Structure formats: structure tokens, C-alpha cells
Amino acid sequence: MSKLTLQPTASTPRVVFDLEQRQFEISGRSMPENSLKFYVQVLEWLQEHLERVEGMIELDINLEYYNTGTYVRLMEIFNHLAELKENGKQVKIIWYYHDDDPDQLDDGKAFEEVVDVEFEFMSVS
């Protein structure tokens, strides 16, 4: 399966990981009651497929809200990307934040400080 698409719900984000289109995105609201249960399929897909990507891997994170469980899973995703970088892959995380939510930008910068992956910060109004 070279594509993973999860439609958003009231408590889970939209996830699109598509090798052919080179689209890697997590967006919306992420507050699943059991974050491991939701994100295990995302993590497994990343581990199985991202090593095959040629060139830059850009992961778009555009979450308007996420809970603590999601924070932990994002860290796992970012750590996996850091491993890929250590193995020679080019990796970048594009972190979208809302102009009126400085905490969102601060969270992205906090991730950037602890994960050895390039972050690009994009403001959305």
C-alpha cells in the first residue's frame, strides 16, 4: 500500500501519505481518545514506506488543535524522520500555525529544539 488516507472526524485529523504524489500531510483537529490506536497505522506506514522516497521528504503539519496524546505521537513521527535524516534522507517539517495562536508557533519551535530535523514555519490567518 503506497498510499494512506484517513478522513477527518470530530476527534481525528485528516492524514494523507501518498508516495506517488509525494504528499505527506496531517491536518485538522487531533484529539483521539486513544492516540496510540489512531497513530499506530500512521507510524507503521511511515516506517514501511518513507525510505523509498527519492529526494526531499516534506511533512505538512497543519493542526488547529491537538491533545497531549497527539503531542507524544508527533514526537514519535518526528523522531522517525530524524532517523531517516541520519541515514542520508533530506527531511523537512512544515509547521503551520495560526497568527492569533502564539502557543501553536511555540509548540513547533519546541519540537524543532529537540528533534534534528529542519522545520519551516508557515503562518495562516
PDB file of N, CA and C in Angstrom:
ATOM      1  N   MET A   1       0.858  -1.173   0.000  1.00  0.00           N
ATOM      2  CA  MET A   1       0.000   0.000   0.000  1.00  0.00           C
ATOM      3  C   MET A   1       0.900   1.230   0.000  1.00  0.00           C
ATOM      4  N   SER A   2       0.951   1.949  -1.120  1.00  0.00           N
ATOM      5  CA  SER A   2       1.817   3.128  -1.200  1.00  0.00           C
ATOM      6  C   SER A   2       1.075   4.408  -0.849  1.00  0.00           C
ATOM      7  N   LYS A   3      -0.178   4.262  -0.405  1.00  0.00           N
ATOM      8  CA  LYS A   3      -0.956   5.441  -0.033  1.00  0.00           C
ATOM      9  C   LYS A   3      -1.759   5.141   1.231  1.00  0.00           C
ATOM     10  N   LEU A   4      -1.739   6.107   2.148  1.00  0.00           N
ATOM     11  CA  LEU A   4      -2.563   6.026   3.356  1.00  0.00           C
ATOM     12  C   LEU A   4      -3.397   7.290   3.401  1.00  0.00           C
ATOM     13  N   THR A   5      -4.718   7.120   3.416  1.00  0.00           N
ATOM     14  CA  THR A   5      -5.618   8.267   3.516  1.00  0.00           C
ATOM     15  C   THR A   5      -6.616   7.991   4.630  1.00  0.00           C
ATOM     16  N   LEU A   6      -6.631   8.885   5.615  1.00  0.00           N
ATOM     17  CA  LEU A   6      -7.599   8.806   6.705  1.00  0.00           C
ATOM     18  C   LEU A   6      -8.428  10.079   6.683  1.00  0.00           C
ATOM     19  N   GLN A   7      -9.727   9.914   6.553  1.00  0.00           N
ATOM     20  CA  GLN A   7     -10.612  11.077   6.528  1.00  0.00           C
ATOM     21  C   GLN A   7     -10.778  11.628   7.952  1.00  0.00           C
ATOM     22  N   PRO A   8     -10.917  12.940   8.062  1.00  0.00           N
ATOM     23  CA  PRO A   8     -11.051  13.528   9.397  1.00  0.00           C
ATOM     24  C   PRO A   8     -12.398  13.200  10.038  1.00  0.00           C
ATOM     25  N   THR A   9     -12.369  13.175  11.355  1.00  0.00           N
ATOM     26  CA  THR A   9     -13.596  13.053  12.144  1.00  0.00           C
ATOM     27  C   THR A   9     -13.599  14.225  13.124  1.00  0.00           C
ATOM     28  N   ALA A  10     -14.563  14.234  14.011  1.00  0.00           N
ATOM     29  CA  ALA A  10     -14.617  15.306  15.016  1.00  0.00           C
ATOM     30  C   ALA A  10     -13.398  15.272  15.937  1.00  0.00           C
ATOM     31  N   SER A  11     -12.767  14.092  16.075  1.00  0.00           N
ATOM     32  CA  SER A  11     -11.646  13.991  17.014  1.00  0.00           C
ATOM     33  C   SER A  11     -10.335  13.532  16.382  1.00  0.00           C
ATOM     34  N   THR A  12     -10.332  13.247  15.092  1.00  0.00           N
ATOM     35  CA  THR A  12      -9.102  12.791  14.445  1.00  0.00           C
ATOM     36  C   THR A  12      -8.802  13.618  13.195  1.00  0.00           C
ATOM     37  N   PRO A  13      -7.536  13.750  12.855  1.00  0.00           N
ATOM     38  CA  PRO A  13      -7.145  14.590  11.731  1.00  0.00           C
ATOM     39  C   PRO A  13      -7.273  13.882  10.381  1.00  0.00           C
ATOM     40  N   ARG A  14      -7.151  14.674   9.358  1.00  0.00           N
ATOM     41  CA  ARG A  14      -7.009  14.149   8.001  1.00  0.00           C
ATOM     42  C   ARG A  14      -5.540  13.756   7.852  1.00  0.00           C
ATOM     43  N   VAL A  15      -5.312  12.571   7.324  1.00  0.00           N
ATOM     44  CA  VAL A  15      -3.950  12.101   7.075  1.00  0.00           C
ATOM     45  C   VAL A  15      -3.884  11.670   5.623  1.00  0.00           C
ATOM     46  N   VAL A  16      -2.922  12.232   4.903  1.00  0.00           N
ATOM     47  CA  VAL A  16      -2.683  11.819   3.523  1.00  0.00           C
ATOM     48  C   VAL A  16      -1.190  11.589   3.379  1.00  0.00           C
ATOM     49  N   PHE A  17      -0.831  10.345   3.145  1.00  0.00           N
ATOM     50  CA  PHE A  17       0.549   9.970   2.842  1.00  0.00           C
ATOM     51  C   PHE A  17       0.501   9.247   1.506  1.00  0.00           C
ATOM     52  N   ASP A  18       1.041   9.878   0.494  1.00  0.00           N
ATOM     53  CA  ASP A  18       0.948   9.356  -0.866  1.00  0.00           C
ATOM     54  C   ASP A  18       2.325   9.402  -1.513  1.00  0.00           C
ATOM     55  N   LEU A  19       2.914   8.227  -1.711  1.00  0.00           N
ATOM     56  CA  LEU A  19       4.253   8.159  -2.309  1.00  0.00           C
ATOM     57  C   LEU A  19       4.283   8.697  -3.728  1.00  0.00           C
ATOM     58  N   GLU A  20       3.297   8.328  -4.540  1.00  0.00           N
ATOM     59  CA  GLU A  20       3.289   8.749  -5.943  1.00  0.00           C
ATOM     60  C   GLU A  20       3.181  10.253  -6.089  1.00  0.00           C
ATOM     61  N   GLN A  21       2.300  10.879  -5.304  1.00  0.00           N
ATOM     62  CA  GLN A  21       2.101  12.324  -5.373  1.00  0.00           C
ATOM     63  C   GLN A  21       3.087  13.093  -4.497  1.00  0.00           C
ATOM     64  N   ARG A  22       3.858  12.353  -3.709  1.00  0.00           N
ATOM     65  CA  ARG A  22       4.812  12.960  -2.775  1.00  0.00           C
ATOM     66  C   ARG A  22       4.105  13.941  -1.836  1.00  0.00           C
ATOM     67  N   GLN A  23       2.978  13.504  -1.336  1.00  0.00           N
ATOM     68  CA  GLN A  23       2.182  14.316  -0.414  1.00  0.00           C
ATOM     69  C   GLN A  23       2.169  13.630   0.950  1.00  0.00           C
ATOM     70  N   PHE A  24       2.585  14.378   1.963  1.00  0.00           N
ATOM     71  CA  PHE A  24       2.636  13.860   3.325  1.00  0.00           C
ATOM     72  C   PHE A  24       2.048  14.936   4.229  1.00  0.00           C
ATOM     73  N   GLU A  25       0.850  14.687   4.749  1.00  0.00           N
ATOM     74  CA  GLU A  25       0.112  15.740   5.462  1.00  0.00           C
ATOM     75  C   GLU A  25      -0.705  15.176   6.616  1.00  0.00           C
ATOM     76  N   ILE A  26      -0.681  15.918   7.724  1.00  0.00           N
ATOM     77  CA  ILE A  26      -1.577  15.673   8.852  1.00  0.00           C
ATOM     78  C   ILE A  26      -2.215  17.018   9.150  1.00  0.00           C
ATOM     79  N   SER A  27      -3.547  17.076   9.097  1.00  0.00           N
ATOM     80  CA  SER A  27      -4.208  18.373   9.262  1.00  0.00           C
ATOM     81  C   SER A  27      -5.559  18.229   9.960  1.00  0.00           C
ATOM     82  N   GLY A  28      -5.982  19.323  10.570  1.00  0.00           N
ATOM     83  CA  GLY A  28      -7.286  19.364  11.234  1.00  0.00           C
ATOM     84  C   GLY A  28      -7.146  19.375  12.743  1.00  0.00           C
ATOM     85  N   ARG A  29      -8.028  18.624  13.397  1.00  0.00           N
ATOM     86  CA  ARG A  29      -8.033  18.525  14.856  1.00  0.00           C
ATOM     87  C   ARG A  29      -7.644  17.102  15.244  1.00  0.00           C
ATOM     88  N   SER A  30      -6.745  16.996  16.227  1.00  0.00           N
ATOM     89  CA  SER A  30      -6.293  15.674  16.647  1.00  0.00           C
ATOM     90  C   SER A  30      -6.419  15.538  18.149  1.00  0.00           C
ATOM     91  N   MET A  31      -7.487  14.887  18.555  1.00  0.00           N
ATOM     92  CA  MET A  31      -7.708  14.637  19.977  1.00  0.00           C
ATOM     93  C   MET A  31      -8.368  13.272  20.169  1.00  0.00           C
ATOM     94  N   PRO A  32      -7.760  12.243  19.554  1.00  0.00           N
ATOM     95  CA  PRO A  32      -8.349  10.915  19.726  1.00  0.00           C
ATOM     96  C   PRO A  32      -8.257  10.474  21.183  1.00  0.00           C
ATOM     97  N   GLU A  33      -9.266   9.748  21.615  1.00  0.00           N
ATOM     98  CA  GLU A  33      -9.265   9.262  22.989  1.00  0.00           C
ATOM     99  C   GLU A  33      -8.064   8.344  23.234  1.00  0.00           C
ATOM    100  N   ASN A  34      -7.729   7.542  22.228  1.00  0.00           N
ATOM    101  CA  ASN A  34      -6.580   6.649  22.318  1.00  0.00           C
ATOM    102  C   ASN A  34      -5.644   7.004  21.158  1.00  0.00           C
ATOM    103  N   SER A  35      -4.675   7.864  21.433  1.00  0.00           N
ATOM    104  CA  SER A  35      -3.810   8.351  20.355  1.00  0.00           C
ATOM    105  C   SER A  35      -2.944   7.232  19.764  1.00  0.00           C
ATOM    106  N   LEU A  36      -2.526   6.278  20.586  1.00  0.00           N
ATOM    107  CA  LEU A  36      -1.726   5.175  20.065  1.00  0.00           C
ATOM    108  C   LEU A  36      -2.522   4.365  19.054  1.00  0.00           C
ATOM    109  N   LYS A  37      -3.763   4.072  19.382  1.00  0.00           N
ATOM    110  CA  LYS A  37      -4.607   3.284  18.484  1.00  0.00           C
ATOM    111  C   LYS A  37      -4.782   3.994  17.142  1.00  0.00           C
ATOM    112  N   PHE A  38      -4.966   5.304  17.166  1.00  0.00           N
ATOM    113  CA  PHE A  38      -5.131   6.040  15.909  1.00  0.00           C
ATOM    114  C   PHE A  38      -3.813   6.144  15.149  1.00  0.00           C
ATOM    115  N   TYR A  39      -2.750   6.527  15.836  1.00  0.00           N
ATOM    116  CA  TYR A  39      -1.488   6.837  15.153  1.00  0.00           C
ATOM    117  C   TYR A  39      -0.621   5.623  14.842  1.00  0.00           C
ATOM    118  N   VAL A  40      -0.945   4.444  15.366  1.00  0.00           N
ATOM    119  CA  VAL A  40      -0.118   3.274  15.077  1.00  0.00           C
ATOM    120  C   VAL A  40      -0.083   2.991  13.576  1.00  0.00           C
ATOM    121  N   GLN A  41      -1.207   3.160  12.898  1.00  0.00           N
ATOM    122  CA  GLN A  41      -1.228   2.918  11.453  1.00  0.00           C
ATOM    123  C   GLN A  41      -0.398   3.960  10.698  1.00  0.00           C
ATOM    124  N   VAL A  42      -0.373   5.176  11.211  1.00  0.00           N
ATOM    125  CA  VAL A  42       0.430   6.239  10.601  1.00  0.00           C
ATOM    126  C   VAL A  42       1.912   5.919  10.770  1.00  0.00           C
ATOM    127  N   LEU A  43       2.302   5.570  11.983  1.00  0.00           N
ATOM    128  CA  LEU A  43       3.702   5.246  12.262  1.00  0.00           C
ATOM    129  C   LEU A  43       4.165   4.021  11.470  1.00  0.00           C
ATOM    130  N   GLU A  44       3.325   3.006  11.409  1.00  0.00           N
ATOM    131  CA  GLU A  44       3.690   1.812  10.644  1.00  0.00           C
ATOM    132  C   GLU A  44       3.872   2.134   9.172  1.00  0.00           C
ATOM    133  N   TRP A  45       2.987   2.960   8.607  1.00  0.00           N
ATOM    134  CA  TRP A  45       3.101   3.331   7.196  1.00  0.00           C
ATOM    135  C   TRP A  45       4.413   4.073   6.962  1.00  0.00           C
ATOM    136  N   LEU A  46       4.716   5.021   7.834  1.00  0.00           N
ATOM    137  CA  LEU A  46       5.962   5.781   7.683  1.00  0.00           C
ATOM    138  C   LEU A  46       7.175   4.861   7.706  1.00  0.00           C
ATOM    139  N   GLN A  47       7.190   3.928   8.647  1.00  0.00           N
ATOM    140  CA  GLN A  47       8.327   3.024   8.778  1.00  0.00           C
ATOM    141  C   GLN A  47       8.459   2.101   7.567  1.00  0.00           C
ATOM    142  N   GLU A  48       7.346   1.714   6.970  1.00  0.00           N
ATOM    143  CA  GLU A  48       7.384   0.806   5.827  1.00  0.00           C
ATOM    144  C   GLU A  48       7.713   1.501   4.513  1.00  0.00           C
ATOM    145  N   HIS A  49       7.334   2.774   4.358  1.00  0.00           N
ATOM    146  CA  HIS A  49       7.356   3.374   3.032  1.00  0.00           C
ATOM    147  C   HIS A  49       8.294   4.565   2.826  1.00  0.00           C
ATOM    148  N   LEU A  50       8.585   5.330   3.856  1.00  0.00           N
ATOM    149  CA  LEU A  50       9.322   6.579   3.620  1.00  0.00           C
ATOM    150  C   LEU A  50      10.747   6.375   3.135  1.00  0.00           C
ATOM    151  N   GLU A  51      11.348   5.258   3.459  1.00  0.00           N
ATOM    152  CA  GLU A  51      12.724   5.024   2.996  1.00  0.00           C
ATOM    153  C   GLU A  51      12.824   4.955   1.484  1.00  0.00           C
ATOM    154  N   ARG A  52      11.708   4.676   0.814  1.00  0.00           N
ATOM    155  CA  ARG A  52      11.702   4.573  -0.650  1.00  0.00           C
ATOM    156  C   ARG A  52      11.587   5.913  -1.355  1.00  0.00           C
ATOM    157  N   VAL A  53      11.317   6.969  -0.612  1.00  0.00           N
ATOM    158  CA  VAL A  53      11.140   8.286  -1.230  1.00  0.00           C
ATOM    159  C   VAL A  53      12.483   8.808  -1.716  1.00  0.00           C
ATOM    160  N   GLU A  54      12.508   9.254  -2.953  1.00  0.00           N
ATOM    161  CA  GLU A  54      13.700   9.885  -3.516  1.00  0.00           C
ATOM    162  C   GLU A  54      13.576  11.391  -3.324  1.00  0.00           C
ATOM    163  N   GLY A  55      14.661  12.048  -2.988  1.00  0.00           N
ATOM    164  CA  GLY A  55      14.637  13.497  -2.814  1.00  0.00           C
ATOM    165  C   GLY A  55      14.065  13.896  -1.462  1.00  0.00           C
ATOM    166  N   MET A  56      13.665  15.148  -1.381  1.00  0.00           N
ATOM    167  CA  MET A  56      13.189  15.756  -0.134  1.00  0.00           C
ATOM    168  C   MET A  56      11.857  15.158   0.317  1.00  0.00           C
ATOM    169  N   ILE A  57      11.780  14.853   1.599  1.00  0.00           N
ATOM    170  CA  ILE A  57      10.526  14.450   2.235  1.00  0.00           C
ATOM    171  C   ILE A  57      10.037  15.658   3.016  1.00  0.00           C
ATOM    172  N   GLU A  58       8.891  16.188   2.640  1.00  0.00           N
ATOM    173  CA  GLU A  58       8.299  17.321   3.356  1.00  0.00           C
ATOM    174  C   GLU A  58       6.994  16.862   3.988  1.00  0.00           C
ATOM    175  N   LEU A  59       6.936  16.960   5.302  1.00  0.00           N
ATOM    176  CA  LEU A  59       5.736  16.601   6.044  1.00  0.00           C
ATOM    177  C   LEU A  59       5.040  17.877   6.490  1.00  0.00           C
ATOM    178  N   ASP A  60       3.809  18.079   6.018  1.00  0.00           N
ATOM    179  CA  ASP A  60       3.000  19.230   6.410  1.00  0.00           C
ATOM    180  C   ASP A  60       2.207  18.880   7.660  1.00  0.00           C
ATOM    181  N   ILE A  61       2.403  19.679   8.704  1.00  0.00           N
ATOM    182  CA  ILE A  61       1.623  19.542   9.934  1.00  0.00           C
ATOM    183  C   ILE A  61       0.803  20.821  10.081  1.00  0.00           C
ATOM    184  N   ASN A  62      -0.502  20.677   9.904  1.00  0.00           N
ATOM    185  CA  ASN A  62      -1.404  21.822   9.972  1.00  0.00           C
ATOM    186  C   ASN A  62      -2.551  21.470  10.915  1.00  0.00           C
ATOM    187  N   LEU A  63      -2.236  21.434  12.201  1.00  0.00           N
ATOM    188  CA  LEU A  63      -3.215  21.052  13.221  1.00  0.00           C
ATOM    189  C   LEU A  63      -3.717  22.293  13.946  1.00  0.00           C
ATOM    190  N   GLU A  64      -5.003  22.515  13.871  1.00  0.00           N
ATOM    191  CA  GLU A  64      -5.565  23.664  14.579  1.00  0.00           C
ATOM    192  C   GLU A  64      -5.651  23.407  16.073  1.00  0.00           C
ATOM    193  N   TYR A  65      -5.741  22.120  16.440  1.00  0.00           N
ATOM    194  CA  TYR A  65      -5.749  21.750  17.858  1.00  0.00           C
ATOM    195  C   TYR A  65      -5.272  20.311  17.972  1.00  0.00           C
ATOM    196  N   TYR A  66      -4.527  20.016  19.031  1.00  0.00           N
ATOM    197  CA  TYR A  66      -4.149  18.633  19.319  1.00  0.00           C
ATOM    198  C   TYR A  66      -3.971  18.464  20.815  1.00  0.00           C
ATOM    199  N   ASN A  67      -4.230  17.242  21.259  1.00  0.00           N
ATOM    200  CA  ASN A  67      -4.139  16.953  22.687  1.00  0.00           C
ATOM    201  C   ASN A  67      -2.751  16.400  23.043  1.00  0.00           C
ATOM    202  N   THR A  68      -2.562  16.118  24.309  1.00  0.00           N
ATOM    203  CA  THR A  68      -1.271  15.643  24.792  1.00  0.00           C
ATOM    204  C   THR A  68      -0.879  14.306  24.158  1.00  0.00           C
ATOM    205  N   GLY A  69      -1.850  13.426  23.987  1.00  0.00           N
ATOM    206  CA  GLY A  69      -1.558  12.146  23.349  1.00  0.00           C
ATOM    207  C   GLY A  69      -1.029  12.332  21.936  1.00  0.00           C
ATOM    208  N   THR A  70      -1.598  13.276  21.215  1.00  0.00           N
ATOM    209  CA  THR A  70      -1.124  13.567  19.867  1.00  0.00           C
ATOM    210  C   THR A  70       0.284  14.133  19.908  1.00  0.00           C
ATOM    211  N   TYR A  71       0.564  14.981  20.885  1.00  0.00           N
ATOM    212  CA  TYR A  71       1.907  15.554  21.037  1.00  0.00           C
ATOM    213  C   TYR A  71       2.948  14.428  21.110  1.00  0.00           C
ATOM    214  N   VAL A  72       2.646  13.416  21.894  1.00  0.00           N
ATOM    215  CA  VAL A  72       3.553  12.271  22.051  1.00  0.00           C
ATOM    216  C   VAL A  72       3.734  11.548  20.718  1.00  0.00           C
ATOM    217  N   ARG A  73       2.639  11.346  19.983  1.00  0.00           N
ATOM    218  CA  ARG A  73       2.719  10.651  18.690  1.00  0.00           C
ATOM    219  C   ARG A  73       3.461  11.490  17.651  1.00  0.00           C
ATOM    220  N   LEU A  74       3.265  12.804  17.684  1.00  0.00           N
ATOM    221  CA  LEU A  74       4.018  13.672  16.763  1.00  0.00           C
ATOM    222  C   LEU A  74       5.510  13.541  17.031  1.00  0.00           C
ATOM    223  N   MET A  75       5.866  13.472  18.295  1.00  0.00           N
ATOM    224  CA  MET A  75       7.275  13.320  18.643  1.00  0.00           C
ATOM    225  C   MET A  75       7.821  12.013  18.070  1.00  0.00           C
ATOM    226  N   GLU A  76       7.037  10.948  18.131  1.00  0.00           N
ATOM    227  CA  GLU A  76       7.462   9.672  17.552  1.00  0.00           C
ATOM    228  C   GLU A  76       7.653   9.800  16.040  1.00  0.00           C
ATOM    229  N   ILE A  77       6.727  10.480  15.380  1.00  0.00           N
ATOM    230  CA  ILE A  77       6.829  10.693  13.935  1.00  0.00           C
ATOM    231  C   ILE A  77       8.082  11.495  13.619  1.00  0.00           C
ATOM    232  N   PHE A  78       8.305  12.571  14.356  1.00  0.00           N
ATOM    233  CA  PHE A  78       9.464  13.429  14.105  1.00  0.00           C
ATOM    234  C   PHE A  78      10.772  12.683  14.379  1.00  0.00           C
ATOM    235  N   ASN A  79      10.789  11.840  15.404  1.00  0.00           N
ATOM    236  CA  ASN A  79      11.986  11.048  15.688  1.00  0.00           C
ATOM    237  C   ASN A  79      12.271  10.068  14.547  1.00  0.00           C
ATOM    238  N   HIS A  80      11.226   9.503  13.970  1.00  0.00           N
ATOM    239  CA  HIS A  80      11.428   8.621  12.820  1.00  0.00           C
ATOM    240  C   HIS A  80      12.015   9.403  11.639  1.00  0.00           C
ATOM    241  N   LEU A  81      11.520  10.604  11.421  1.00  0.00           N
ATOM    242  CA  LEU A  81      12.066  11.440  10.350  1.00  0.00           C
ATOM    243  C   LEU A  81      13.532  11.783  10.624  1.00  0.00           C
ATOM    244  N   ALA A  82      13.860  12.008  11.886  1.00  0.00           N
ATOM    245  CA  ALA A  82      15.256  12.298  12.248  1.00  0.00           C
ATOM    246  C   ALA A  82      16.149  11.095  11.942  1.00  0.00           C
ATOM    247  N   GLU A  83      15.656   9.890  12.174  1.00  0.00           N
ATOM    248  CA  GLU A  83      16.416   8.684  11.835  1.00  0.00           C
ATOM    249  C   GLU A  83      16.656   8.603  10.332  1.00  0.00           C
ATOM    250  N   LEU A  84      15.621   8.927   9.551  1.00  0.00           N
ATOM    251  CA  LEU A  84      15.778   8.922   8.098  1.00  0.00           C
ATOM    252  C   LEU A  84      16.840   9.936   7.673  1.00  0.00           C
ATOM    253  N   LYS A  85      16.830  11.091   8.345  1.00  0.00           N
ATOM    254  CA  LYS A  85      17.833  12.116   8.035  1.00  0.00           C
ATOM    255  C   LYS A  85      19.238  11.600   8.345  1.00  0.00           C
ATOM    256  N   GLU A  86      19.380  10.928   9.478  1.00  0.00           N
ATOM    257  CA  GLU A  86      20.677  10.361   9.847  1.00  0.00           C
ATOM    258  C   GLU A  86      21.166   9.353   8.810  1.00  0.00           C
ATOM    259  N   ASN A  87      20.213   8.722   8.124  1.00  0.00           N
ATOM    260  CA  ASN A  87      20.552   7.739   7.097  1.00  0.00           C
ATOM    261  C   ASN A  87      20.665   8.355   5.706  1.00  0.00           C
ATOM    262  N   GLY A  88      20.737   9.693   5.643  1.00  0.00           N
ATOM    263  CA  GLY A  88      21.009  10.354   4.383  1.00  0.00           C
ATOM    264  C   GLY A  88      19.830  10.948   3.641  1.00  0.00           C
ATOM    265  N   LYS A  89      18.623  10.807   4.174  1.00  0.00           N
ATOM    266  CA  LYS A  89      17.451  11.395   3.510  1.00  0.00           C
ATOM    267  C   LYS A  89      17.371  12.893   3.813  1.00  0.00           C
ATOM    268  N   GLN A  90      16.817  13.637   2.870  1.00  0.00           N
ATOM    269  CA  GLN A  90      16.523  15.054   3.109  1.00  0.00           C
ATOM    270  C   GLN A  90      15.115  15.133   3.672  1.00  0.00           C
ATOM    271  N   VAL A  91      14.989  15.789   4.824  1.00  0.00           N
ATOM    272  CA  VAL A  91      13.706  15.825   5.524  1.00  0.00           C
ATOM    273  C   VAL A  91      13.413  17.238   5.997  1.00  0.00           C
ATOM    274  N   LYS A  92      12.154  17.640   5.827  1.00  0.00           N
ATOM    275  CA  LYS A  92      11.725  18.933   6.345  1.00  0.00           C
ATOM    276  C   LYS A  92      10.295  18.804   6.859  1.00  0.00           C
ATOM    277  N   ILE A  93      10.030  19.455   7.978  1.00  0.00           N
ATOM    278  CA  ILE A  93       8.678  19.525   8.528  1.00  0.00           C
ATOM    279  C   ILE A  93       8.182  20.946   8.327  1.00  0.00           C
ATOM    280  N   ILE A  94       7.026  21.063   7.702  1.00  0.00           N
ATOM    281  CA  ILE A  94       6.416  22.374   7.529  1.00  0.00           C
ATOM    282  C   ILE A  94       5.311  22.482   8.572  1.00  0.00           C
ATOM    283  N   TRP A  95       5.529  23.380   9.527  1.00  0.00           N
ATOM    284  CA  TRP A  95       4.637  23.544  10.685  1.00  0.00           C
ATOM    285  C   TRP A  95       3.781  24.788  10.449  1.00  0.00           C
ATOM    286  N   TYR A  96       2.483  24.562  10.276  1.00  0.00           N
ATOM    287  CA  TYR A  96       1.548  25.664  10.079  1.00  0.00           C
ATOM    288  C   TYR A  96       1.015  26.114  11.432  1.00  0.00           C
ATOM    289  N   TYR A  97       0.937  27.427  11.601  1.00  0.00           N
ATOM    290  CA  TYR A  97       0.400  27.975  12.847  1.00  0.00           C
ATOM    291  C   TYR A  97      -0.500  29.156  12.516  1.00  0.00           C
ATOM    292  N   HIS A  98      -1.486  29.368  13.358  1.00  0.00           N
ATOM    293  CA  HIS A  98      -2.423  30.471  13.153  1.00  0.00           C
ATOM    294  C   HIS A  98      -1.862  31.746  13.781  1.00  0.00           C
ATOM    295  N   ASP A  99      -1.997  32.833  13.056  1.00  0.00           N
ATOM    296  CA  ASP A  99      -1.482  34.131  13.513  1.00  0.00           C
ATOM    297  C   ASP A  99      -1.931  34.477  14.929  1.00  0.00           C
ATOM    298  N   ASP A 100      -3.158  34.125  15.257  1.00  0.00           N
ATOM    299  CA  ASP A 100      -3.721  34.522  16.544  1.00  0.00           C
ATOM    300  C   ASP A 100      -3.461  33.498  17.649  1.00  0.00           C
ATOM    301  N   ASP A 101      -2.582  32.524  17.391  1.00  0.00           N
ATOM    302  CA  ASP A 101      -2.293  31.500  18.388  1.00  0.00           C
ATOM    303  C   ASP A 101      -0.776  31.335  18.559  1.00  0.00           C
ATOM    304  N   PRO A 102      -0.154  32.210  19.375  1.00  0.00           N
ATOM    305  CA  PRO A 102       1.296  32.129  19.553  1.00  0.00           C
ATOM    306  C   PRO A 102       1.757  30.809  20.177  1.00  0.00           C
ATOM    307  N   ASP A 103       0.892  30.142  20.937  1.00  0.00           N
ATOM    308  CA  ASP A 103       1.262  28.858  21.535  1.00  0.00           C
ATOM    309  C   ASP A 103       1.532  27.805  20.462  1.00  0.00           C
ATOM    310  N   GLN A 104       0.797  27.894  19.368  1.00  0.00           N
ATOM    311  CA  GLN A 104       0.985  26.941  18.275  1.00  0.00           C
ATOM    312  C   GLN A 104       2.388  27.077  17.669  1.00  0.00           C
ATOM    313  N   LEU A 105       2.818  28.305  17.483  1.00  0.00           N
ATOM    314  CA  LEU A 105       4.168  28.547  16.974  1.00  0.00           C
ATOM    315  C   LEU A 105       5.205  28.081  17.998  1.00  0.00           C
ATOM    316  N   ASP A 106       4.963  28.376  19.269  1.00  0.00           N
ATOM    317  CA  ASP A 106       5.883  27.947  20.326  1.00  0.00           C
ATOM    318  C   ASP A 106       6.020  26.428  20.375  1.00  0.00           C
ATOM    319  N   ASP A 107       4.902  25.712  20.177  1.00  0.00           N
ATOM    320  CA  ASP A 107       4.962  24.255  20.167  1.00  0.00           C
ATOM    321  C   ASP A 107       5.852  23.754  19.031  1.00  0.00           C
ATOM    322  N   GLY A 108       5.689  24.340  17.857  1.00  0.00           N
ATOM    323  CA  GLY A 108       6.521  23.945  16.722  1.00  0.00           C
ATOM    324  C   GLY A 108       7.990  24.193  16.998  1.00  0.00           C
ATOM    325  N   LYS A 109       8.291  25.328  17.601  1.00  0.00           N
ATOM    326  CA  LYS A 109       9.684  25.644  17.919  1.00  0.00           C
ATOM    327  C   LYS A 109      10.238  24.711  18.994  1.00  0.00           C
ATOM    328  N   ALA A 110       9.375  24.296  19.913  1.00  0.00           N
ATOM    329  CA  ALA A 110       9.808  23.343  20.948  1.00  0.00           C
ATOM    330  C   ALA A 110      10.158  21.996  20.312  1.00  0.00           C
ATOM    331  N   PHE A 111       9.345  21.558  19.362  1.00  0.00           N
ATOM    332  CA  PHE A 111       9.674  20.317  18.639  1.00  0.00           C
ATOM    333  C   PHE A 111      11.008  20.469  17.919  1.00  0.00           C
ATOM    334  N   GLU A 112      11.192  21.596  17.259  1.00  0.00           N
ATOM    335  CA  GLU A 112      12.403  21.838  16.480  1.00  0.00           C
ATOM    336  C   GLU A 112      13.658  21.760  17.365  1.00  0.00           C
ATOM    337  N   GLU A 113      13.548  22.222  18.607  1.00  0.00           N
ATOM    338  CA  GLU A 113      14.695  22.229  19.513  1.00  0.00           C
ATOM    339  C   GLU A 113      15.160  20.827  19.907  1.00  0.00           C
ATOM    340  N   VAL A 114      14.227  19.879  19.938  1.00  0.00           N
ATOM    341  CA  VAL A 114      14.594  18.553  20.428  1.00  0.00           C
ATOM    342  C   VAL A 114      14.734  17.500  19.332  1.00  0.00           C
ATOM    343  N   VAL A 115      14.331  17.823  18.113  1.00  0.00           N
ATOM    344  CA  VAL A 115      14.401  16.862  17.011  1.00  0.00           C
ATOM    345  C   VAL A 115      15.349  17.406  15.952  1.00  0.00           C
ATOM    346  N   ASP A 116      16.248  16.578  15.489  1.00  0.00           N
ATOM    347  CA  ASP A 116      17.231  17.004  14.500  1.00  0.00           C
ATOM    348  C   ASP A 116      16.655  16.913  13.080  1.00  0.00           C
ATOM    349  N   VAL A 117      15.658  17.763  12.826  1.00  0.00           N
ATOM    350  CA  VAL A 117      15.023  17.859  11.520  1.00  0.00           C
ATOM    351  C   VAL A 117      14.770  19.333  11.250  1.00  0.00           C
ATOM    352  N   GLU A 118      14.919  19.739   9.998  1.00  0.00           N
ATOM    353  CA  GLU A 118      14.654  21.127   9.627  1.00  0.00           C
ATOM    354  C   GLU A 118      13.152  21.407   9.709  1.00  0.00           C
ATOM    355  N   PHE A 119      12.803  22.522  10.327  1.00  0.00           N
ATOM    356  CA  PHE A 119      11.416  22.978  10.395  1.00  0.00           C
ATOM    357  C   PHE A 119      11.288  24.263   9.588  1.00  0.00           C
ATOM    358  N   GLU A 120      10.173  24.396   8.909  1.00  0.00           N
ATOM    359  CA  GLU A 120       9.798  25.644   8.264  1.00  0.00           C
ATOM    360  C   GLU A 120       8.454  26.048   8.856  1.00  0.00           C
ATOM    361  N   PHE A 121       8.345  27.299   9.279  1.00  0.00           N
ATOM    362  CA  PHE A 121       7.129  27.759   9.935  1.00  0.00           C
ATOM    363  C   PHE A 121       6.316  28.620   8.977  1.00  0.00           C
ATOM    364  N   MET A 122       5.050  28.246   8.804  1.00  0.00           N
ATOM    365  CA  MET A 122       4.161  28.931   7.871  1.00  0.00           C
ATOM    366  C   MET A 122       2.966  29.491   8.641  1.00  0.00           C
ATOM    367  N   SER A 123       2.775  30.784   8.518  1.00  0.00           N
ATOM    368  CA  SER A 123       1.665  31.454   9.177  1.00  0.00           C
ATOM    369  C   SER A 123       0.400  31.353   8.340  1.00  0.00           C
ATOM    370  N   VAL A 124      -0.702  31.055   9.009  1.00  0.00           N
ATOM    371  CA  VAL A 124      -2.017  31.036   8.363  1.00  0.00           C
ATOM    372  C   VAL A 124      -2.935  31.978   9.120  1.00  0.00           C
ATOM    373  N   SER A 125      -3.759  32.711   8.374  1.00  0.00           N
ATOM    374  CA  SER A 125      -4.680  33.630   9.082  1.00  0.00           C
ATOM    375  C   SER A 125      -6.029  33.012   9.303  1.00  0.00           C
TER     376      SER A 125
END
